[in-house]
Amino acid sequence: MFGSEDHKVATGGGPEEDVMHLGIDLGTSAVKVCLLGHDRAVVATSSAALGISHPLDGASEQDCGVWCELIER
C-alpha cells in the first residue's frame, strides 16, 4: 500500500516528504509513466510510442528491451 510504514522502511525511511511513487503503464501502443509526490499529487508525466512488428502473417510482437529503454528516458 502506498505510504505505508512498510513502504517507508523499504525505501530507506526518512521524512514522509521524501517519499515519491512511480507508476508505469506498459500498454500496447505506448509506455506511460507518472511520478507522484508524498501528497500523491502528480509531479510529472511522460509517454513514448511503442512500435509493433509483424514477423509473420497474423502475428504481432514488441521488443521488451525497448520498454526498458523508454522507461529509462
Foldseek 3Di string as FASTA:
>chain_A
DPPDPVVCVVVPHDDLQPDKDKDWDDDPFKIKIFIATSVRDTPDIDMDTFDWDDPDVPDIDGDVVVVVVVVVD
